[in-house]
Amino acid sequence: MMEILQYIIPAAALIIVQLIVSYRQDKINNIKNDMMIQQIKDDINRLEKKQDKHNQLIERMVKIEDSDQAQWKWIDSFKSKLP
């Protein structure tokens, strides 16, 4: 009986230590994952702001092009009226 206890006690202690190490490692991995998720969210927000600026520029350029076309039509009509 004593011989069996000689092997069971160290084995049980190793299992307990391994469980503690696994728990702590899992906790560390969860913290790292949370930090990475937060960084990704920050990057997405930054990209959304850049995209909004780009879309606003596109909208302004469309208005400018429309205005430019109207001005060229007016100039062409004015030129045709000249002798």
Protein backbone atom coordinates (compact mmCIF):
# COMPACT_ATOMS: atom_id res chain seq x y z
CA MET A 1 0.00 0.00 0.00
CA MET A 2 2.82 2.38 0.84
CA GLU A 3 4.43 1.72 -2.51
CA ILE A 4 1.27 2.78 -4.33
CA LEU A 5 1.00 5.99 -2.27
CA GLN A 6 4.60 6.69 -3.16
CA TYR A 7 3.53 7.05 -6.81
CA ILE A 8 0.02 8.45 -6.37
CA ILE A 9 0.96 11.48 -4.24
CA PRO A 10 3.59 12.89 -6.65
CA ALA A 11 1.30 12.16 -9.62
CA ALA A 12 -1.58 14.01 -7.94
CA ALA A 13 0.72 16.92 -7.10
CA LEU A 14 1.90 17.11 -10.73
CA ILE A 15 -1.69 17.10 -11.97
CA ILE A 16 -2.61 19.94 -9.60
CA VAL A 17 0.45 21.96 -10.64
CA GLN A 18 -0.34 21.37 -14.32
CA LEU A 19 -3.95 22.53 -13.78
CA ILE A 20 -2.73 25.72 -12.10
CA VAL A 21 -0.24 26.40 -14.90
CA SER A 22 -2.90 25.75 -17.55
CA TYR A 23 -5.36 28.08 -15.82
CA ARG A 24 -2.82 30.91 -15.63
CA GLN A 25 -1.73 30.39 -19.23
CA ASP A 26 -5.37 30.50 -20.35
CA LYS A 27 -5.85 33.72 -18.39
CA ILE A 28 -2.79 35.27 -20.06
CA ASN A 29 -4.01 34.20 -23.51
CA ASN A 30 -7.43 35.72 -22.84
CA ILE A 31 -5.82 39.04 -21.87
CA LYS A 32 -3.64 38.99 -25.01
CA ASN A 33 -6.68 38.20 -27.18
CA ASP A 34 -8.67 41.03 -25.60
CA MET A 35 -5.82 43.45 -26.30
CA MET A 36 -5.58 42.30 -29.93
CA ILE A 37 -9.34 42.66 -30.37
CA GLN A 38 -9.18 46.19 -28.98
CA GLN A 39 -6.33 47.08 -31.35
CA ILE A 40 -8.30 45.72 -34.29
CA LYS A 41 -11.36 47.73 -33.27
CA ASP A 42 -9.23 50.87 -33.02
CA ASP A 43 -7.79 50.20 -36.48
CA ILE A 44 -11.28 49.69 -37.90
CA ASN A 45 -12.46 52.98 -36.39
CA ARG A 46 -9.43 54.76 -37.84
CA LEU A 47 -10.09 53.27 -41.27
CA GLU A 48 -13.78 54.24 -41.09
CA LYS A 49 -12.78 57.85 -40.43
CA LYS A 50 -10.41 57.80 -43.39
CA GLN A 51 -13.10 56.28 -45.59
CA ASP A 52 -15.59 58.95 -44.51
CA LYS A 53 -13.10 61.67 -45.47
CA HIS A 54 -12.53 60.00 -48.82
CA ASN A 55 -16.26 59.68 -49.48
CA GLN A 56 -16.79 63.35 -48.64
CA LEU A 57 -14.04 64.27 -51.09
CA ILE A 58 -15.69 62.19 -53.81
CA GLU A 59 -19.05 63.89 -53.16
CA ARG A 60 -17.43 67.34 -53.38
CA MET A 61 -15.64 66.42 -56.60
CA VAL A 62 -18.91 65.29 -58.20
CA LYS A 63 -20.45 68.66 -57.34
CA ILE A 64 -17.44 70.48 -58.77
CA GLU A 65 -17.58 68.44 -61.97
CA ASP A 66 -21.29 69.17 -62.37
CA SER A 67 -20.65 72.87 -61.82
CA ASP A 68 -17.72 72.76 -64.24
CA GLN A 69 -19.86 71.17 -66.95
CA ALA A 70 -22.52 73.83 -66.51
CA GLN A 71 -19.89 76.58 -66.80
CA TRP A 72 -18.44 75.09 -69.99
CA LYS A 73 -21.92 74.90 -71.50
CA TRP A 74 -22.45 78.56 -70.64
CA ILE A 75 -19.06 79.47 -72.15
CA ASP A 76 -19.83 77.51 -75.32
CA SER A 77 -23.21 79.21 -75.66
CA PHE A 78 -21.57 82.59 -75.10
CA LYS A 79 -18.92 81.85 -77.76
CA SER A 80 -21.57 80.91 -80.28
CA LYS A 81 -23.28 84.27 -79.75
CA LEU A 82 -20.09 86.21 -80.54
CA PRO A 83 -19.65 87.48 -84.09
